[in-house]
Each structure stands twice: as C-alpha cells, then as structure tokens.
Amino acid sequence: MYVLLQEVHVKLIKQFRQLFIALSLVLVLVTTTACGTVTQAREPVALPGSNSPIGYGQVERGNTRTGQELGDWVVKTSRGLVQDAYVRGDDKLGAVISSQVRPNEVRPLAKSLIQGFHQNAPKRDLTVLMYAPDKKLILTAKYNDTTKQIEYQ
C-alpha cells in the first residue's frame, strides 16, 4: 500500500512539474508581450536548417525590431528552458531548447510558446519550430487561427 502511494505521489509530482513549466511560460509570455506589436517583415530571411548559405550563428533573433525583442525576451524569461530563439515575419518563432528540457516536455513548451506568441500576434496562423540543443529540428507546432487548433509535426 505504501509503495503504491509513493508511485502515485511521484506521478503527481511529474505532472505538476510539467503543468507548472507550461503555465509559467504562458504567464510570462502573456504578461510581457501583451503590450508589444509585431511588424511585417520587409525581406524574407533564411531560417536555420534551410539550404541558405547563412550559417546558424549568423542569423539574428528577429528580422524586425519587434521580432528581435520578442526573441530576446523568450530567451531571458524562459528560465533556462530556451537557450536561443528567433522570430521571422509576424508568424514564425523558432526556439532552441536547453538540455534540461525532457522529451515529454517539448510539446507542452511548444504549446506555451504558441499561446504566448498568439497574444502578441492575434488573428493569424502561427508556427513554432522547436530545435534540440544541437540545433536539429525536433517538432513543428502550427496554430490555425480559424479552427483554434494546434497541429504537431
């Protein structure tokens, strides 16, 4: 009986931790970005992982001033969960997660980023690209504003 209670307790702690991480990030994203505005990009900029000659280290956090600020803010407020971020146009956010993010926490983190990004860029479809610490794409989350659904790839 005692072992069973311990197992339930451990499961509850794990679920609480995941929920806490997701809600913390949403709260920080919503409260900080609610006053900002997003500006449409004038020129497309290559994304990390594309066939462009621009290397990852040369890509800026944003191709607009607001995008730069949002990318900086995501990294600063993520409490170590996101080690780098970039914004392209007004509908694409890329995040390089740190090694402390567990595989089962990537999807809730992507959902939190979508929710926070949606506060800053309402009424449009959004994409969040999640990269592993080695900068390889591991998850794409696409938010459809019409259906209010997130599709994970």
C-alpha atoms as a PDB file:
ATOM      1  CA  MET A   1       0.000   0.000   0.000  1.00  0.00           C
ATOM      2  CA  TYR A   2       2.827   2.388   0.922  1.00  0.00           C
ATOM      3  CA  VAL A   3       4.697   1.662  -2.340  1.00  0.00           C
ATOM      4  CA  LEU A   4       1.535   2.301  -4.342  1.00  0.00           C
ATOM      5  CA  LEU A   5       1.072   5.653  -2.606  1.00  0.00           C
ATOM      6  CA  GLN A   6       4.683   6.558  -3.371  1.00  0.00           C
ATOM      7  CA  GLU A   7       4.201   5.755  -7.065  1.00  0.00           C
ATOM      8  CA  VAL A   8       1.062   7.895  -7.225  1.00  0.00           C
ATOM      9  CA  HIS A   9       2.903  10.687  -5.431  1.00  0.00           C
ATOM     10  CA  VAL A  10       5.801  10.568  -7.923  1.00  0.00           C
ATOM     11  CA  LYS A  11       3.389  10.627 -10.885  1.00  0.00           C
ATOM     12  CA  LEU A  12       1.564  13.610  -9.424  1.00  0.00           C
ATOM     13  CA  ILE A  13       4.831  15.476  -8.909  1.00  0.00           C
ATOM     14  CA  LYS A  14       5.872  14.825 -12.523  1.00  0.00           C
ATOM     15  CA  GLN A  15       2.505  16.010 -13.843  1.00  0.00           C
ATOM     16  CA  PHE A  16       2.611  19.079 -11.612  1.00  0.00           C
ATOM     17  CA  ARG A  17       6.118  19.920 -12.846  1.00  0.00           C
ATOM     18  CA  GLN A  18       5.046  19.727 -16.498  1.00  0.00           C
ATOM     19  CA  LEU A  19       1.959  21.827 -15.836  1.00  0.00           C
ATOM     20  CA  PHE A  20       3.960  24.348 -13.816  1.00  0.00           C
ATOM     21  CA  ILE A  21       6.551  24.772 -16.596  1.00  0.00           C
ATOM     22  CA  ALA A  22       3.887  25.246 -19.247  1.00  0.00           C
ATOM     23  CA  LEU A  23       1.793  27.653 -17.193  1.00  0.00           C
ATOM     24  CA  SER A  24       4.833  29.642 -16.059  1.00  0.00           C
ATOM     25  CA  LEU A  25       5.951  30.198 -19.607  1.00  0.00           C
ATOM     26  CA  VAL A  26       2.442  31.146 -20.731  1.00  0.00           C
ATOM     27  CA  LEU A  27       2.082  33.593 -17.843  1.00  0.00           C
ATOM     28  CA  VAL A  28       5.407  35.234 -18.585  1.00  0.00           C
ATOM     29  CA  LEU A  29       4.739  35.388 -22.334  1.00  0.00           C
ATOM     30  CA  VAL A  30       1.224  36.762 -21.914  1.00  0.00           C
ATOM     31  CA  THR A  31       2.019  39.400 -19.323  1.00  0.00           C
ATOM     32  CA  THR A  32       5.121  40.726 -21.027  1.00  0.00           C
ATOM     33  CA  THR A  33       4.184  40.628 -24.709  1.00  0.00           C
ATOM     34  CA  ALA A  34       0.630  41.887 -24.380  1.00  0.00           C
ATOM     35  CA  CYS A  35       1.753  45.489 -24.934  1.00  0.00           C
ATOM     36  CA  GLY A  36       4.038  44.804 -27.892  1.00  0.00           C
ATOM     37  CA  THR A  37       3.193  44.851 -31.572  1.00  0.00           C
ATOM     38  CA  VAL A  38       4.555  42.775 -34.405  1.00  0.00           C
ATOM     39  CA  THR A  39       5.652  44.358 -37.670  1.00  0.00           C
ATOM     40  CA  GLN A  40       5.534  42.583 -41.031  1.00  0.00           C
ATOM     41  CA  ALA A  41       8.967  41.717 -42.388  1.00  0.00           C
ATOM     42  CA  ARG A  42      10.127  43.605 -45.483  1.00  0.00           C
ATOM     43  CA  GLU A  43      12.519  40.938 -46.765  1.00  0.00           C
ATOM     44  CA  PRO A  44      12.471  37.199 -46.094  1.00  0.00           C
ATOM     45  CA  VAL A  45      15.393  35.887 -44.102  1.00  0.00           C
ATOM     46  CA  ALA A  46      16.584  32.291 -44.285  1.00  0.00           C
ATOM     47  CA  LEU A  47      15.724  30.079 -41.339  1.00  0.00           C
ATOM     48  CA  PRO A  48      18.218  27.850 -39.573  1.00  0.00           C
ATOM     49  CA  GLY A  49      18.371  24.459 -41.214  1.00  0.00           C
ATOM     50  CA  SER A  50      17.492  25.764 -44.670  1.00  0.00           C
ATOM     51  CA  ASN A  51      19.730  25.440 -47.717  1.00  0.00           C
ATOM     52  CA  SER A  52      20.790  29.058 -47.382  1.00  0.00           C
ATOM     53  CA  PRO A  53      24.477  29.968 -47.225  1.00  0.00           C
ATOM     54  CA  ILE A  54      23.799  31.855 -43.974  1.00  0.00           C
ATOM     55  CA  GLY A  55      25.002  29.798 -41.004  1.00  0.00           C
ATOM     56  CA  TYR A  56      23.052  29.458 -37.767  1.00  0.00           C
ATOM     57  CA  GLY A  57      25.440  31.658 -35.836  1.00  0.00           C
ATOM     58  CA  GLN A  58      24.806  34.500 -38.297  1.00  0.00           C
ATOM     59  CA  VAL A  59      21.016  34.516 -38.012  1.00  0.00           C
ATOM     60  CA  GLU A  60      19.610  37.311 -35.888  1.00  0.00           C
ATOM     61  CA  ARG A  61      16.914  36.779 -33.287  1.00  0.00           C
ATOM     62  CA  GLY A  62      14.438  38.734 -35.369  1.00  0.00           C
ATOM     63  CA  ASN A  63      14.210  40.217 -38.823  1.00  0.00           C
ATOM     64  CA  THR A  64      12.248  43.132 -37.395  1.00  0.00           C
ATOM     65  CA  ARG A  65      12.940  45.180 -34.288  1.00  0.00           C
ATOM     66  CA  THR A  66       9.869  43.761 -32.573  1.00  0.00           C
ATOM     67  CA  GLY A  67      10.874  40.239 -33.606  1.00  0.00           C
ATOM     68  CA  GLN A  68      14.374  40.816 -32.225  1.00  0.00           C
ATOM     69  CA  GLU A  69      12.896  41.988 -28.928  1.00  0.00           C
ATOM     70  CA  LEU A  70      10.490  39.035 -28.726  1.00  0.00           C
ATOM     71  CA  GLY A  71      13.300  36.547 -29.442  1.00  0.00           C
ATOM     72  CA  ASP A  72      15.478  38.171 -26.759  1.00  0.00           C
ATOM     73  CA  TRP A  73      12.575  38.194 -24.325  1.00  0.00           C
ATOM     74  CA  VAL A  74      11.733  34.497 -24.872  1.00  0.00           C
ATOM     75  CA  VAL A  75      15.312  33.501 -24.029  1.00  0.00           C
ATOM     76  CA  LYS A  76      15.558  35.793 -20.989  1.00  0.00           C
ATOM     77  CA  THR A  77      12.234  34.768 -19.454  1.00  0.00           C
ATOM     78  CA  SER A  78      12.339  31.042 -20.163  1.00  0.00           C
ATOM     79  CA  ARG A  79      14.372  30.374 -17.018  1.00  0.00           C
ATOM     80  CA  GLY A  80      16.894  28.296 -18.930  1.00  0.00           C
ATOM     81  CA  LEU A  81      14.403  26.191 -20.895  1.00  0.00           C
ATOM     82  CA  VAL A  82      15.091  28.033 -24.171  1.00  0.00           C
ATOM     83  CA  GLN A  83      18.738  28.766 -24.940  1.00  0.00           C
ATOM     84  CA  ASP A  84      18.121  30.647 -28.209  1.00  0.00           C
ATOM     85  CA  ALA A  85      15.126  31.954 -30.153  1.00  0.00           C
ATOM     86  CA  TYR A  86      14.350  33.776 -33.374  1.00  0.00           C
ATOM     87  CA  VAL A  87      11.294  35.382 -34.925  1.00  0.00           C
ATOM     88  CA  ARG A  88      10.677  35.657 -38.672  1.00  0.00           C
ATOM     89  CA  GLY A  89       7.981  37.909 -40.010  1.00  0.00           C
ATOM     90  CA  ASP A  90       4.981  38.049 -37.764  1.00  0.00           C
ATOM     91  CA  ASP A  91       4.068  34.382 -37.750  1.00  0.00           C
ATOM     92  CA  LYS A  92       7.134  32.209 -37.124  1.00  0.00           C
ATOM     93  CA  LEU A  93       9.011  31.577 -33.874  1.00  0.00           C
ATOM     94  CA  GLY A  94      11.953  29.210 -33.561  1.00  0.00           C
ATOM     95  CA  ALA A  95      13.251  28.060 -30.185  1.00  0.00           C
ATOM     96  CA  VAL A  96      16.378  26.064 -29.344  1.00  0.00           C
ATOM     97  CA  ILE A  97      15.630  24.215 -26.123  1.00  0.00           C
ATOM     98  CA  SER A  98      18.205  23.530 -23.452  1.00  0.00           C
ATOM     99  CA  SER A  99      19.290  20.074 -22.417  1.00  0.00           C
ATOM    100  CA  GLN A 100      17.282  20.362 -19.188  1.00  0.00           C
ATOM    101  CA  VAL A 101      14.002  20.098 -21.156  1.00  0.00           C
ATOM    102  CA  ARG A 102      12.863  16.487 -21.125  1.00  0.00           C
ATOM    103  CA  PRO A 103      11.474  14.916 -24.325  1.00  0.00           C
ATOM    104  CA  ASN A 104       7.966  14.709 -22.864  1.00  0.00           C
ATOM    105  CA  GLU A 105       8.092  18.448 -22.049  1.00  0.00           C
ATOM    106  CA  VAL A 106       8.804  19.665 -25.616  1.00  0.00           C
ATOM    107  CA  ARG A 107       5.175  19.598 -26.768  1.00  0.00           C
ATOM    108  CA  PRO A 108       3.796  21.462 -23.699  1.00  0.00           C
ATOM    109  CA  LEU A 109       6.594  24.017 -24.086  1.00  0.00           C
ATOM    110  CA  ALA A 110       5.734  24.482 -27.786  1.00  0.00           C
ATOM    111  CA  LYS A 111       2.073  24.934 -26.838  1.00  0.00           C
ATOM    112  CA  SER A 112       3.039  27.568 -24.262  1.00  0.00           C
ATOM    113  CA  LEU A 113       5.135  29.400 -26.826  1.00  0.00           C
ATOM    114  CA  ILE A 114       2.232  29.324 -29.321  1.00  0.00           C
ATOM    115  CA  GLN A 115      -0.136  30.703 -26.682  1.00  0.00           C
ATOM    116  CA  GLY A 116       2.239  33.499 -25.743  1.00  0.00           C
ATOM    117  CA  PHE A 117       3.070  34.279 -29.375  1.00  0.00           C
ATOM    118  CA  HIS A 118      -0.674  34.385 -30.151  1.00  0.00           C
ATOM    119  CA  GLN A 119      -1.095  37.118 -27.523  1.00  0.00           C
ATOM    120  CA  ASN A 120       1.492  39.169 -29.409  1.00  0.00           C
ATOM    121  CA  ALA A 121       0.228  38.261 -32.895  1.00  0.00           C
ATOM    122  CA  PRO A 122      -3.530  37.660 -32.706  1.00  0.00           C
ATOM    123  CA  LYS A 123      -5.803  36.731 -35.593  1.00  0.00           C
ATOM    124  CA  ARG A 124      -3.223  34.889 -37.672  1.00  0.00           C
ATOM    125  CA  ASP A 125      -1.880  31.395 -38.174  1.00  0.00           C
ATOM    126  CA  LEU A 126       1.389  30.835 -36.305  1.00  0.00           C
ATOM    127  CA  THR A 127       4.258  28.363 -36.448  1.00  0.00           C
ATOM    128  CA  VAL A 128       6.650  27.441 -33.651  1.00  0.00           C
ATOM    129  CA  LEU A 129       9.726  25.412 -34.570  1.00  0.00           C
ATOM    130  CA  MET A 130      11.374  23.554 -31.695  1.00  0.00           C
ATOM    131  CA  TYR A 131      15.056  22.699 -32.056  1.00  0.00           C
ATOM    132  CA  ALA A 132      17.144  20.336 -29.918  1.00  0.00           C
ATOM    133  CA  PRO A 133      20.266  21.741 -28.209  1.00  0.00           C
ATOM    134  CA  ASP A 134      22.281  20.533 -31.241  1.00  0.00           C
ATOM    135  CA  LYS A 135      20.012  22.786 -33.370  1.00  0.00           C
ATOM    136  CA  LYS A 136      18.238  19.959 -35.197  1.00  0.00           C
ATOM    137  CA  LEU A 137      14.513  20.446 -35.747  1.00  0.00           C
ATOM    138  CA  ILE A 138      12.559  18.123 -33.447  1.00  0.00           C
ATOM    139  CA  LEU A 139       8.998  19.500 -33.513  1.00  0.00           C
ATOM    140  CA  THR A 140       6.877  21.892 -35.541  1.00  0.00           C
ATOM    141  CA  ALA A 141       3.711  23.268 -33.962  1.00  0.00           C
ATOM    142  CA  LYS A 142       1.268  25.028 -36.292  1.00  0.00           C
ATOM    143  CA  TYR A 143      -1.593  27.055 -34.858  1.00  0.00           C
ATOM    144  CA  ASN A 144      -4.622  27.545 -37.100  1.00  0.00           C
ATOM    145  CA  ASP A 145      -6.436  30.706 -36.037  1.00  0.00           C
ATOM    146  CA  THR A 146      -9.644  29.685 -37.825  1.00  0.00           C
ATOM    147  CA  THR A 147     -10.007  26.362 -36.004  1.00  0.00           C
ATOM    148  CA  LYS A 148      -8.076  27.430 -32.875  1.00  0.00           C
ATOM    149  CA  GLN A 149      -6.207  24.101 -33.059  1.00  0.00           C
ATOM    150  CA  ILE A 150      -2.501  23.260 -32.856  1.00  0.00           C
ATOM    151  CA  GLU A 151      -1.112  20.633 -35.218  1.00  0.00           C
ATOM    152  CA  TYR A 152       2.161  18.988 -34.228  1.00  0.00           C
ATOM    153  CA  GLN A 153       4.564  17.553 -36.796  1.00  0.00           C
END
